[in-house]
N, C-alpha and C. Protein backbone atom coordinates (compact mmCIF):
# COMPACT_ATOMS: atom_id res chain seq x y z
N MET A 1 108.29 -72.19 -139.69
CA MET A 1 109.38 -72.89 -139.49
C MET A 1 109.77 -73.42 -140.89
N ASP A 2 110.96 -73.30 -141.83
CA ASP A 2 111.27 -73.87 -142.89
C ASP A 2 111.93 -75.29 -142.69
N THR A 3 110.91 -76.30 -143.14
CA THR A 3 111.15 -77.61 -142.89
C THR A 3 111.25 -78.36 -144.32
N ARG A 4 112.15 -79.47 -144.34
CA ARG A 4 112.26 -80.17 -145.75
C ARG A 4 112.27 -81.67 -145.10
N ILE A 5 111.71 -82.61 -146.25
CA ILE A 5 111.75 -83.99 -146.05
C ILE A 5 112.67 -84.56 -147.14
N GLY A 6 113.81 -85.67 -146.73
CA GLY A 6 114.44 -86.41 -147.65
C GLY A 6 114.20 -87.83 -147.47
N PHE A 7 114.03 -88.50 -148.66
CA PHE A 7 114.04 -90.02 -148.73
C PHE A 7 115.36 -90.54 -149.33
N GLY A 8 115.73 -91.74 -148.69
CA GLY A 8 116.76 -92.52 -149.08
C GLY A 8 116.38 -93.95 -149.09
N TYR A 9 116.93 -94.89 -150.09
CA TYR A 9 116.85 -96.17 -150.21
C TYR A 9 117.87 -96.60 -150.72
N ASP A 10 118.34 -97.89 -149.97
CA ASP A 10 119.46 -98.75 -150.64
C ASP A 10 119.20 -100.19 -150.40
N SER A 11 120.08 -100.97 -151.10
CA SER A 11 119.90 -102.47 -150.94
C SER A 11 121.23 -103.07 -151.33
N HIS A 12 121.48 -104.09 -150.89
CA HIS A 12 122.83 -104.81 -151.06
C HIS A 12 122.47 -106.27 -150.79
N ALA A 13 123.16 -107.33 -151.63
CA ALA A 13 123.14 -108.38 -151.43
C ALA A 13 124.01 -109.13 -150.66
N PHE A 14 123.74 -110.13 -149.77
CA PHE A 14 124.71 -110.74 -148.88
C PHE A 14 125.72 -111.58 -149.86
N LYS A 15 126.92 -111.64 -149.00
CA LYS A 15 128.08 -112.15 -150.04
C LYS A 15 128.84 -112.85 -148.86
N PRO A 16 129.48 -114.14 -148.92
CA PRO A 16 130.27 -114.75 -148.09
C PRO A 16 131.62 -114.00 -148.12
N GLY A 17 132.37 -114.16 -146.94
CA GLY A 17 133.77 -113.64 -146.94
C GLY A 17 133.93 -112.31 -146.81
N VAL A 18 132.84 -111.44 -146.31
CA VAL A 18 133.03 -110.15 -146.07
C VAL A 18 132.41 -109.93 -144.86
N PRO A 19 132.93 -108.93 -144.07
CA PRO A 19 132.25 -108.51 -142.64
C PRO A 19 131.02 -107.74 -142.73
N LEU A 20 130.11 -107.88 -142.01
CA LEU A 20 128.88 -107.27 -141.93
C LEU A 20 128.63 -106.06 -141.33
N ARG A 21 128.62 -104.98 -141.81
CA ARG A 21 127.98 -103.63 -141.11
C ARG A 21 126.90 -103.12 -141.71
N ILE A 22 126.36 -102.80 -140.56
CA ILE A 22 124.97 -102.15 -140.67
C ILE A 22 124.88 -100.73 -139.65
N GLY A 23 124.69 -99.67 -139.90
CA GLY A 23 124.55 -98.65 -139.23
C GLY A 23 125.74 -98.36 -138.47
N GLY A 24 126.70 -98.63 -139.07
CA GLY A 24 128.17 -98.11 -138.60
C GLY A 24 128.64 -99.29 -137.52
N MET A 25 128.10 -100.23 -137.17
CA MET A 25 128.35 -101.38 -136.43
C MET A 25 128.79 -102.64 -136.94
N ALA A 26 129.75 -103.32 -136.60
CA ALA A 26 130.26 -104.69 -137.11
C ALA A 26 129.15 -105.94 -136.52
N LEU A 27 128.45 -106.44 -137.37
CA LEU A 27 127.69 -107.34 -136.66
C LEU A 27 128.11 -108.96 -136.90
N GLU A 28 127.86 -109.90 -135.98
CA GLU A 28 128.26 -111.14 -136.33
C GLU A 28 127.20 -111.80 -137.13
N HIS A 29 127.83 -112.37 -138.11
CA HIS A 29 127.06 -113.21 -139.05
C HIS A 29 127.85 -113.66 -140.24
N PRO A 30 127.60 -114.91 -140.63
CA PRO A 30 128.38 -115.48 -141.80
C PRO A 30 128.63 -114.92 -142.86
N GLU A 31 127.85 -113.90 -143.39
CA GLU A 31 128.09 -113.11 -144.53
C GLU A 31 127.92 -111.68 -144.36
N GLY A 32 128.34 -110.94 -145.13
CA GLY A 32 128.37 -109.58 -145.24
C GLY A 32 127.53 -109.00 -146.31
N LEU A 33 127.64 -107.76 -146.73
CA LEU A 33 126.89 -107.18 -147.66
C LEU A 33 127.95 -106.81 -148.75
N ALA A 34 127.66 -107.17 -149.99
CA ALA A 34 128.45 -106.82 -151.14
C ALA A 34 128.26 -105.29 -151.40
N GLY A 35 129.40 -104.82 -151.93
CA GLY A 35 129.27 -103.34 -152.20
C GLY A 35 130.83 -102.78 -152.49
N HIS A 36 130.98 -101.96 -153.38
CA HIS A 36 132.33 -101.30 -153.51
C HIS A 36 132.91 -100.65 -152.25
N SER A 37 131.95 -100.04 -151.47
CA SER A 37 132.38 -99.58 -149.96
C SER A 37 132.23 -100.87 -148.85
N ASP A 38 131.90 -100.47 -147.70
CA ASP A 38 131.66 -101.48 -146.83
C ASP A 38 130.22 -101.98 -146.72
N GLY A 39 129.60 -101.44 -147.75
CA GLY A 39 128.10 -101.92 -148.08
C GLY A 39 127.07 -101.81 -146.95
N ASP A 40 127.48 -100.79 -146.06
CA ASP A 40 126.64 -100.30 -145.01
C ASP A 40 125.04 -99.93 -145.54
N VAL A 41 124.07 -100.69 -145.82
CA VAL A 41 123.06 -100.16 -146.41
C VAL A 41 122.20 -99.27 -145.65
N LEU A 42 122.41 -99.32 -144.22
CA LEU A 42 121.64 -98.46 -143.41
C LEU A 42 122.42 -96.88 -143.45
N LEU A 43 123.59 -96.92 -143.34
CA LEU A 43 124.36 -95.44 -143.67
C LEU A 43 124.19 -94.89 -144.87
N HIS A 44 124.09 -95.76 -146.11
CA HIS A 44 123.87 -95.38 -147.34
C HIS A 44 122.51 -94.55 -147.44
N ALA A 45 121.42 -95.37 -147.15
CA ALA A 45 120.11 -94.86 -147.17
C ALA A 45 120.01 -93.26 -146.46
N VAL A 46 120.49 -93.29 -145.22
CA VAL A 46 120.45 -92.27 -144.29
C VAL A 46 121.20 -90.91 -145.18
N THR A 47 122.36 -91.36 -145.81
CA THR A 47 123.06 -90.29 -146.42
C THR A 47 122.43 -89.93 -147.56
N ASP A 48 121.73 -90.53 -148.25
CA ASP A 48 120.82 -90.18 -149.38
C ASP A 48 119.58 -89.35 -148.89
N ALA A 49 119.03 -89.59 -147.86
CA ALA A 49 117.84 -88.76 -147.19
C ALA A 49 118.30 -87.73 -146.80
N LEU A 50 119.52 -87.43 -146.27
CA LEU A 50 119.98 -85.97 -145.87
C LEU A 50 120.34 -85.34 -147.16
N LEU A 51 120.99 -85.89 -148.15
CA LEU A 51 121.44 -85.08 -149.42
C LEU A 51 119.93 -84.68 -150.24
N GLY A 52 119.05 -85.69 -150.22
CA GLY A 52 117.79 -85.31 -150.87
C GLY A 52 117.09 -84.12 -150.19
N ALA A 53 117.22 -83.97 -148.76
CA ALA A 53 116.50 -83.05 -148.09
C ALA A 53 116.69 -81.70 -148.55
N VAL A 54 118.08 -81.67 -149.11
CA VAL A 54 118.65 -80.19 -149.37
C VAL A 54 119.02 -80.16 -150.80
N ALA A 55 118.35 -81.04 -151.58
CA ALA A 55 118.55 -81.18 -152.94
C ALA A 55 120.05 -81.00 -153.38
N ALA A 56 120.93 -81.87 -152.66
CA ALA A 56 122.28 -81.81 -153.08
C ALA A 56 122.82 -83.10 -153.65
N GLY A 57 121.80 -83.67 -154.47
CA GLY A 57 122.32 -84.98 -155.11
C GLY A 57 121.87 -86.25 -154.50
N ASP A 58 122.93 -87.05 -154.82
CA ASP A 58 122.94 -88.42 -154.05
C ASP A 58 124.25 -88.85 -153.75
N ILE A 59 124.21 -90.04 -153.09
CA ILE A 59 125.69 -90.72 -152.71
C ILE A 59 126.73 -90.91 -153.85
N GLY A 60 125.98 -91.28 -154.96
CA GLY A 60 126.73 -91.67 -156.07
C GLY A 60 127.42 -90.23 -156.76
N SER A 61 126.79 -89.13 -156.34
CA SER A 61 127.26 -87.76 -157.15
C SER A 61 128.51 -87.46 -156.45
N PHE A 62 128.76 -87.66 -155.25
CA PHE A 62 129.89 -87.42 -154.39
C PHE A 62 130.92 -88.54 -154.62
N PHE A 63 130.44 -89.94 -154.46
CA PHE A 63 131.32 -90.95 -154.29
C PHE A 63 130.99 -92.12 -155.30
N PRO A 64 131.17 -92.10 -156.71
CA PRO A 64 131.10 -93.01 -157.53
C PRO A 64 131.45 -94.10 -157.24
N PRO A 65 130.57 -95.29 -157.59
CA PRO A 65 131.11 -96.71 -157.16
C PRO A 65 132.34 -97.26 -157.82
N GLY A 66 132.65 -96.39 -158.98
CA GLY A 66 133.68 -97.08 -160.00
C GLY A 66 135.13 -96.53 -159.49
N ASP A 67 134.81 -95.52 -158.37
CA ASP A 67 136.23 -94.71 -157.97
C ASP A 67 137.07 -95.66 -157.05
N PRO A 68 138.20 -96.22 -157.47
CA PRO A 68 139.06 -96.97 -156.35
C PRO A 68 139.00 -96.32 -155.12
N ARG A 69 139.02 -95.12 -154.95
CA ARG A 69 139.38 -94.37 -153.68
C ARG A 69 138.30 -94.88 -152.50
N TRP A 70 137.30 -95.30 -152.86
CA TRP A 70 136.00 -95.65 -152.13
C TRP A 70 136.09 -97.22 -152.08
N LYS A 71 136.97 -97.96 -152.48
CA LYS A 71 136.97 -99.51 -152.35
C LYS A 71 136.98 -99.80 -150.84
N ASP A 72 136.09 -100.49 -150.26
CA ASP A 72 136.02 -100.85 -148.63
C ASP A 72 135.99 -99.80 -147.85
N ALA A 73 135.60 -98.40 -148.27
CA ALA A 73 135.68 -97.40 -147.49
C ALA A 73 134.63 -97.51 -146.38
N ASP A 74 134.73 -96.71 -145.27
CA ASP A 74 133.97 -96.90 -144.06
C ASP A 74 132.77 -95.80 -144.60
N SER A 75 131.40 -96.28 -144.55
CA SER A 75 130.46 -95.47 -144.96
C SER A 75 130.14 -93.96 -144.07
N ALA A 76 130.76 -94.05 -142.85
CA ALA A 76 130.75 -92.85 -142.08
C ALA A 76 131.34 -91.72 -142.82
N ILE A 77 132.16 -91.93 -143.90
CA ILE A 77 132.78 -90.83 -144.67
C ILE A 77 131.80 -90.15 -145.61
N PHE A 78 130.67 -90.95 -145.90
CA PHE A 78 129.75 -90.63 -146.83
C PHE A 78 128.64 -89.79 -145.90
N LEU A 79 128.44 -90.46 -144.77
CA LEU A 79 127.50 -89.68 -144.08
C LEU A 79 128.06 -88.33 -143.59
N ASN A 80 129.30 -88.14 -143.19
CA ASN A 80 129.85 -86.91 -142.73
C ASN A 80 129.74 -85.96 -143.88
N THR A 81 130.10 -86.26 -145.13
CA THR A 81 129.84 -85.41 -146.30
C THR A 81 128.59 -84.88 -146.50
N ALA A 82 127.34 -85.68 -146.08
CA ALA A 82 125.87 -85.33 -146.19
C ALA A 82 125.85 -84.43 -145.17
N LEU A 83 126.30 -84.52 -143.89
CA LEU A 83 126.01 -83.71 -142.73
C LEU A 83 126.55 -82.30 -143.07
N GLU A 84 127.85 -82.35 -143.78
CA GLU A 84 128.37 -81.00 -144.01
C GLU A 84 127.61 -80.21 -145.04
N GLU A 85 127.07 -80.96 -145.99
CA GLU A 85 126.09 -80.45 -147.04
C GLU A 85 124.90 -79.87 -146.39
N LEU A 86 124.39 -80.50 -145.37
CA LEU A 86 123.15 -79.91 -144.67
C LEU A 86 123.45 -78.72 -143.93
N GLN A 87 124.66 -78.71 -143.45
CA GLN A 87 125.08 -77.44 -142.59
C GLN A 87 125.24 -76.41 -143.51
N HIS A 88 126.08 -76.51 -144.57
CA HIS A 88 126.25 -75.58 -145.34
C HIS A 88 124.99 -74.93 -146.19
N ALA A 89 123.79 -75.62 -146.27
CA ALA A 89 122.59 -75.30 -146.72
C ALA A 89 121.73 -74.57 -145.46
N GLY A 90 122.31 -74.55 -144.35
CA GLY A 90 121.58 -73.71 -143.21
C GLY A 90 120.58 -74.80 -142.56
N TYR A 91 120.65 -76.03 -142.63
CA TYR A 91 119.48 -76.82 -141.92
C TYR A 91 120.30 -77.70 -140.82
N GLY A 92 119.46 -78.35 -139.97
CA GLY A 92 119.94 -79.20 -138.95
C GLY A 92 118.62 -80.31 -139.08
N ILE A 93 119.25 -81.62 -138.42
CA ILE A 93 118.22 -82.57 -138.40
C ILE A 93 117.21 -82.47 -137.20
N ALA A 94 115.92 -82.53 -137.69
CA ALA A 94 114.89 -82.80 -136.78
C ALA A 94 114.66 -84.06 -136.24
N ASN A 95 114.66 -85.09 -137.08
CA ASN A 95 114.56 -86.64 -136.65
C ASN A 95 115.02 -87.49 -138.22
N VAL A 96 115.14 -88.61 -137.98
CA VAL A 96 115.61 -89.61 -138.73
C VAL A 96 115.03 -90.81 -138.63
N ASP A 97 114.23 -91.48 -139.39
CA ASP A 97 113.26 -92.77 -139.37
C ASP A 97 113.79 -93.80 -140.39
N VAL A 98 114.22 -94.61 -139.57
CA VAL A 98 114.89 -95.82 -140.64
C VAL A 98 114.23 -96.95 -140.55
N THR A 99 113.87 -97.70 -141.58
CA THR A 99 113.35 -99.23 -141.81
C THR A 99 114.13 -100.14 -142.42
N LEU A 100 114.77 -101.09 -141.62
CA LEU A 100 115.65 -102.16 -142.49
C LEU A 100 114.71 -103.14 -142.58
N ILE A 101 115.02 -104.06 -143.87
CA ILE A 101 113.99 -105.11 -144.30
C ILE A 101 115.20 -106.20 -144.69
N LEU A 102 115.25 -107.24 -143.86
CA LEU A 102 116.30 -108.50 -144.02
C LEU A 102 115.75 -109.60 -143.30
N ALA A 103 116.17 -110.62 -143.48
CA ALA A 103 115.80 -111.79 -143.22
C ALA A 103 116.64 -112.06 -141.84
N LYS A 104 117.97 -112.06 -141.82
CA LYS A 104 118.92 -112.20 -140.89
C LYS A 104 119.96 -111.16 -140.95
N PRO A 105 120.82 -110.96 -139.83
CA PRO A 105 120.27 -111.19 -138.60
C PRO A 105 119.45 -110.52 -137.88
N LYS A 106 118.77 -110.82 -136.73
CA LYS A 106 117.75 -110.07 -136.05
C LYS A 106 118.37 -108.53 -135.50
N ILE A 107 117.55 -107.68 -135.80
CA ILE A 107 117.97 -106.50 -135.55
C ILE A 107 117.49 -105.97 -134.20
N ALA A 108 116.11 -106.38 -133.82
CA ALA A 108 115.51 -106.08 -132.63
C ALA A 108 116.22 -105.97 -131.51
N PRO A 109 117.21 -107.03 -131.08
CA PRO A 109 117.95 -107.14 -129.85
C PRO A 109 119.07 -105.90 -129.83
N ILE A 110 119.47 -105.50 -131.04
CA ILE A 110 120.50 -104.76 -130.89
C ILE A 110 120.03 -103.16 -131.54
N ALA A 111 118.73 -103.22 -131.72
CA ALA A 111 118.24 -101.53 -132.10
C ALA A 111 118.66 -100.55 -131.19
N PRO A 112 118.52 -100.95 -130.10
CA PRO A 112 118.90 -99.66 -128.93
C PRO A 112 120.23 -99.22 -129.32
N GLU A 113 121.12 -100.14 -129.11
CA GLU A 113 122.69 -99.98 -129.40
C GLU A 113 122.77 -99.18 -130.93
N MET A 114 122.18 -99.64 -131.78
CA MET A 114 122.22 -99.25 -133.18
C MET A 114 121.59 -97.63 -133.21
N ARG A 115 120.60 -97.47 -132.54
CA ARG A 115 120.01 -96.06 -132.50
C ARG A 115 121.14 -95.08 -131.87
N ALA A 116 121.84 -95.61 -130.60
CA ALA A 116 122.62 -94.75 -130.14
C ALA A 116 123.88 -94.44 -131.00
N HIS A 117 124.19 -95.46 -131.64
CA HIS A 117 125.65 -95.18 -132.39
C HIS A 117 125.16 -94.24 -133.59
N LEU A 118 124.14 -94.44 -134.31
CA LEU A 118 123.60 -93.50 -135.30
C LEU A 118 123.32 -92.21 -134.92
N ALA A 119 122.78 -92.11 -133.56
CA ALA A 119 122.61 -90.69 -133.16
C ALA A 119 123.94 -89.93 -132.80
N ASP A 120 125.19 -90.74 -132.46
CA ASP A 120 126.39 -90.10 -132.19
C ASP A 120 126.93 -89.92 -133.46
N LEU A 121 126.62 -90.58 -134.56
CA LEU A 121 127.30 -90.29 -135.87
C LEU A 121 126.58 -89.01 -136.66
N LEU A 122 125.28 -88.89 -136.17
CA LEU A 122 124.69 -87.70 -136.88
C LEU A 122 124.78 -86.57 -135.79
N GLN A 123 125.23 -86.58 -134.69
CA GLN A 123 125.56 -85.58 -133.87
C GLN A 123 123.97 -85.11 -133.38
N VAL A 124 123.02 -86.12 -132.97
CA VAL A 124 121.86 -85.52 -132.44
C VAL A 124 121.38 -86.55 -131.15
N GLU A 125 120.44 -86.43 -130.56
CA GLU A 125 119.92 -87.02 -129.58
C GLU A 125 119.28 -88.21 -129.95
N ILE A 126 119.30 -89.10 -129.08
CA ILE A 126 118.85 -90.46 -129.53
C ILE A 126 117.35 -90.62 -129.73
N GLY A 127 116.66 -89.64 -128.99
CA GLY A 127 115.37 -89.50 -129.21
C GLY A 127 115.01 -88.98 -130.87
N GLN A 128 115.82 -88.56 -131.32
CA GLN A 128 115.92 -87.98 -132.93
C GLN A 128 115.81 -89.04 -133.84
N VAL A 129 116.28 -90.16 -133.29
CA VAL A 129 116.66 -91.39 -134.31
C VAL A 129 115.68 -92.55 -133.89
N SER A 130 114.92 -92.99 -135.07
CA SER A 130 114.25 -94.45 -134.98
C SER A 130 114.78 -95.64 -135.91
N ILE A 131 114.94 -96.52 -135.36
CA ILE A 131 115.50 -97.93 -136.19
C ILE A 131 114.39 -99.01 -135.98
N LYS A 132 113.82 -99.36 -137.11
CA LYS A 132 112.98 -100.28 -137.28
C LYS A 132 113.16 -101.54 -138.12
N ALA A 133 113.02 -102.71 -137.92
CA ALA A 133 113.28 -103.90 -138.69
C ALA A 133 112.05 -104.75 -139.18
N LYS A 134 112.05 -105.14 -140.38
CA LYS A 134 111.07 -106.16 -140.83
C LYS A 134 111.62 -107.15 -141.69
N THR A 135 110.86 -108.28 -141.79
CA THR A 135 111.42 -109.26 -142.62
C THR A 135 110.77 -109.25 -144.17
N PRO A 136 111.23 -109.90 -145.19
CA PRO A 136 110.65 -110.08 -146.41
C PRO A 136 109.67 -110.51 -146.47
N GLU A 137 109.04 -111.41 -145.26
CA GLU A 137 107.72 -112.05 -145.65
C GLU A 137 107.53 -112.99 -146.81
N GLY A 138 108.26 -113.82 -147.18
CA GLY A 138 108.28 -114.61 -148.23
C GLY A 138 108.27 -114.19 -149.57
N LEU A 139 109.22 -113.12 -149.69
CA LEU A 139 109.34 -112.36 -151.08
C LEU A 139 110.37 -112.89 -151.70
N ASN A 140 111.11 -113.88 -151.45
CA ASN A 140 112.39 -114.59 -151.86
C ASN A 140 113.34 -113.30 -151.86
N LEU A 141 113.51 -112.74 -150.92
CA LEU A 141 114.62 -111.77 -150.61
C LEU A 141 115.30 -112.04 -149.48
N ASP A 142 115.47 -113.26 -148.94
CA ASP A 142 116.44 -113.37 -147.86
C ASP A 142 117.80 -113.45 -148.26
N HIS A 143 118.28 -113.28 -149.17
CA HIS A 143 119.56 -113.02 -149.68
C HIS A 143 120.08 -111.40 -149.74
N VAL A 144 119.01 -110.65 -149.41
CA VAL A 144 119.19 -109.30 -149.64
C VAL A 144 118.84 -108.39 -148.48
N ALA A 145 119.52 -107.11 -148.34
CA ALA A 145 119.33 -106.30 -146.98
C ALA A 145 118.77 -105.22 -147.64
N GLN A 146 117.53 -104.48 -147.59
CA GLN A 146 117.19 -103.38 -147.96
C GLN A 146 117.12 -102.22 -146.70
N CYS A 147 116.94 -101.02 -146.93
CA CYS A 147 116.98 -100.04 -146.26
C CYS A 147 115.96 -98.72 -146.58
N HIS A 148 115.11 -98.25 -145.83
CA HIS A 148 114.38 -97.04 -146.14
C HIS A 148 114.69 -96.18 -145.22
N ALA A 149 115.01 -94.72 -145.58
CA ALA A 149 115.21 -93.82 -144.43
C ALA A 149 114.54 -92.43 -144.95
N VAL A 150 113.85 -91.89 -143.73
CA VAL A 150 113.22 -90.66 -144.09
C VAL A 150 114.02 -89.64 -143.22
N ALA A 151 114.47 -88.45 -143.58
CA ALA A 151 114.99 -87.38 -142.65
C ALA A 151 114.26 -86.11 -142.78
N LEU A 152 113.79 -85.71 -141.69
CA LEU A 152 113.14 -84.35 -141.49
C LEU A 152 114.19 -83.44 -141.07
N VAL A 153 114.56 -82.10 -141.90
CA VAL A 153 115.32 -81.30 -141.56
C VAL A 153 114.57 -79.91 -141.48
N THR A 154 115.17 -79.00 -140.50
CA THR A 154 114.65 -77.75 -140.14
C THR A 154 115.93 -76.47 -140.44
N ARG A 155 115.40 -75.50 -141.10
CA ARG A 155 116.40 -74.17 -141.28
C ARG A 155 116.78 -73.90 -139.75
N ILE A 156 118.03 -73.76 -139.49
CA ILE A 156 118.57 -73.32 -138.23
C ILE A 156 119.35 -72.12 -138.57
N ARG A 157 119.48 -71.49 -139.79
CA ARG A 157 120.01 -70.31 -140.01
C ARG A 157 119.17 -69.57 -141.23
N GLU A 158 118.99 -68.58 -141.20
CA GLU A 158 118.36 -67.50 -142.07
C GLU A 158 119.20 -67.38 -143.25
N GLU A 159 118.47 -67.29 -144.40
CA GLU A 159 119.19 -67.17 -145.71
C GLU A 159 120.24 -65.83 -145.52
N GLU A 160 119.84 -64.84 -144.92
CA GLU A 160 120.79 -63.68 -144.75
C GLU A 160 122.06 -64.04 -144.20
N GLU A 161 121.84 -64.75 -143.17
CA GLU A 161 123.11 -65.39 -142.57
C GLU A 161 124.15 -66.24 -143.42
N LEU A 162 123.64 -66.68 -144.31
CA LEU A 162 124.34 -67.66 -145.25
C LEU A 162 125.10 -66.62 -146.69
N LYS A 163 124.80 -65.24 -146.41
CA LYS A 163 125.42 -64.59 -147.66
C LYS A 163 127.01 -64.77 -147.58
N SER A 164 127.60 -64.53 -148.74
CA SER A 164 129.10 -64.66 -148.71
C SER A 164 129.77 -63.46 -147.97
N MET A 165 130.90 -63.46 -147.61
CA MET A 165 131.69 -62.46 -147.26
C MET A 165 131.65 -61.19 -148.16
N GLU A 166 131.84 -61.52 -149.34
CA GLU A 166 131.98 -60.62 -150.50
C GLU A 166 130.68 -59.65 -150.51
N ALA A 167 129.49 -60.54 -150.28
CA ALA A 167 128.09 -59.56 -150.43
C ALA A 167 128.05 -58.58 -149.03
N VAL A 168 128.56 -59.14 -148.07
CA VAL A 168 128.60 -58.44 -146.66
C VAL A 168 129.33 -57.25 -146.93
N ILE A 169 130.31 -57.35 -147.28
CA ILE A 169 131.54 -56.23 -147.59
C ILE A 169 130.89 -55.45 -148.44
N GLU A 170 130.29 -55.63 -149.63
CA GLU A 170 129.76 -54.77 -150.65
C GLU A 170 128.52 -54.01 -149.95
N SER A 171 127.56 -54.89 -149.12
CA SER A 171 126.42 -54.15 -148.33
C SER A 171 127.27 -52.89 -147.52
N GLN A 172 128.19 -53.19 -146.64
CA GLN A 172 128.97 -52.36 -145.83
C GLN A 172 129.44 -51.17 -146.86
N ARG A 173 130.07 -51.18 -147.75
CA ARG A 173 130.57 -50.04 -148.73
C ARG A 173 129.39 -49.22 -148.98
N GLN A 174 128.03 -49.91 -149.51
CA GLN A 174 127.03 -49.15 -149.98
C GLN A 174 126.48 -48.46 -149.01
N LEU A 175 126.63 -48.97 -147.73
CA LEU A 175 126.00 -48.22 -146.46
C LEU A 175 126.90 -46.93 -146.19
N GLU A 176 128.13 -47.19 -146.43
CA GLU A 176 129.05 -46.02 -146.19
C GLU A 176 129.00 -44.86 -147.17
N ASP A 177 128.62 -45.06 -148.38
CA ASP A 177 128.54 -44.34 -149.42
C ASP A 177 127.32 -43.70 -149.08
N VAL A 178 126.17 -44.08 -148.80
CA VAL A 178 124.66 -43.49 -148.35
C VAL A 178 125.26 -42.32 -147.21
N VAL A 179 126.13 -42.68 -146.11
CA VAL A 179 126.31 -41.76 -144.85
C VAL A 179 127.24 -40.61 -145.60
N ASP A 180 128.03 -41.01 -146.65
CA ASP A 180 128.97 -39.95 -146.89
C ASP A 180 128.02 -39.13 -147.84
N ASP A 181 127.26 -39.36 -148.63
CA ASP A 181 126.42 -38.51 -149.19
C ASP A 181 125.55 -37.70 -148.47
N LEU A 182 124.96 -38.15 -147.50
CA LEU A 182 124.17 -37.46 -146.62
C LEU A 182 124.90 -36.49 -145.93
N LEU A 183 125.87 -36.74 -145.28
CA LEU A 183 126.85 -35.60 -144.64
C LEU A 183 127.26 -34.45 -145.54
N ALA A 184 127.70 -34.92 -146.88
CA ALA A 184 127.81 -34.03 -147.96
C ALA A 184 126.81 -32.90 -148.24
N SER A 185 125.64 -33.54 -148.43
CA SER A 185 124.48 -32.76 -148.94
C SER A 185 123.57 -31.91 -147.83
N VAL A 186 123.75 -32.38 -146.31
CA VAL A 186 123.15 -31.75 -145.29
C VAL A 186 124.23 -30.91 -144.47
N HIS A 187 125.27 -31.29 -144.00
CA HIS A 187 126.11 -30.71 -143.54
C HIS A 187 127.26 -30.04 -144.22
N GLY A 188 127.48 -30.30 -145.36
CA GLY A 188 128.57 -29.68 -146.21
C GLY A 188 129.84 -30.31 -145.97
N VAL A 189 129.76 -31.70 -145.26
CA VAL A 189 131.10 -32.33 -145.16
C VAL A 189 131.65 -32.94 -146.35
N PRO A 190 132.78 -32.65 -146.83
CA PRO A 190 133.25 -33.36 -148.18
C PRO A 190 133.16 -34.85 -147.98
N ARG A 191 133.00 -35.60 -148.93
CA ARG A 191 133.05 -37.02 -149.06
C ARG A 191 134.36 -37.62 -148.66
N ARG A 192 134.71 -38.51 -147.94
CA ARG A 192 135.75 -38.85 -147.45
C ARG A 192 136.85 -39.50 -148.63
N LYS A 193 138.00 -39.19 -148.74
CA LYS A 193 138.72 -39.82 -149.68
C LYS A 193 139.85 -40.82 -149.14
N ILE A 194 139.94 -41.98 -149.71
CA ILE A 194 140.71 -42.99 -149.06
C ILE A 194 142.08 -42.93 -149.83
N THR A 195 142.96 -42.70 -148.88
CA THR A 195 144.50 -42.54 -149.36
C THR A 195 144.89 -44.06 -149.34
N PRO A 196 145.71 -44.25 -150.39
CA PRO A 196 146.21 -45.57 -150.43
C PRO A 196 147.55 -45.57 -149.38
N VAL A 197 147.96 -46.75 -148.59
CA VAL A 197 149.26 -46.61 -147.79
C VAL A 197 150.32 -47.00 -148.37
N TYR A 198 150.48 -46.91 -149.99
CA TYR A 198 151.48 -46.94 -150.54
C TYR A 198 151.39 -46.21 -152.07
N ASP A 199 152.44 -45.97 -152.80
CA ASP A 199 151.98 -45.25 -154.00
C ASP A 199 151.52 -46.34 -155.23
N THR A 200 150.44 -46.24 -155.65
CA THR A 200 149.80 -47.13 -156.49
C THR A 200 150.39 -47.21 -157.80
N GLU A 201 151.10 -45.84 -158.23
CA GLU A 201 151.83 -45.87 -159.38
C GLU A 201 153.03 -46.49 -159.52
N ASP A 202 153.54 -46.84 -158.30
CA ASP A 202 154.93 -47.44 -158.17
C ASP A 202 154.71 -48.74 -157.72
N ILE A 203 154.26 -49.74 -158.27
CA ILE A 203 153.96 -51.25 -157.75
C ILE A 203 154.93 -52.08 -158.69
N THR A 204 155.95 -52.55 -158.22
CA THR A 204 156.94 -53.35 -158.77
C THR A 204 156.96 -54.84 -158.20
């Protein structure tokens, strides 16, 4: 089985006057997380983990922080892009493991709800998602929220299934040529000649 691992990390400082969003959920807290988008540290880390698993760059490659289009944007948009890249590469999520590091608010009481919401966003079962929370433990980081995320992905389509339609058509033509050659050499059947449905010399 072809498996890959992606790791993502993000951090944002707390800032008064902005709403707090973590894991795609609005949380009650006097401060939110500063950022060009909605500052969702968890979704940003998971997005980078998924992109990293298929070597598709990072969140900044798709959504530059200086681009005004992403000002206050919902980070679920970023996550959806990572899921599309994962699908295009022929992989699916096996599991995602997340560790939040912040002093407040307490995540443990809402972790089950957050897991369920993240599973919905990722379109996987809740058993494939883990969310843990730690405190900075005296590291003078009470004003910051950090998140580490690891994603294990597995191939769900073989590389042959990912070939372009052009390659498939070319393969079909080659097969038809082989069949025609065999018929001509073994049975004396002349090679087929494709007659255009219109006069190619009179195209206006």
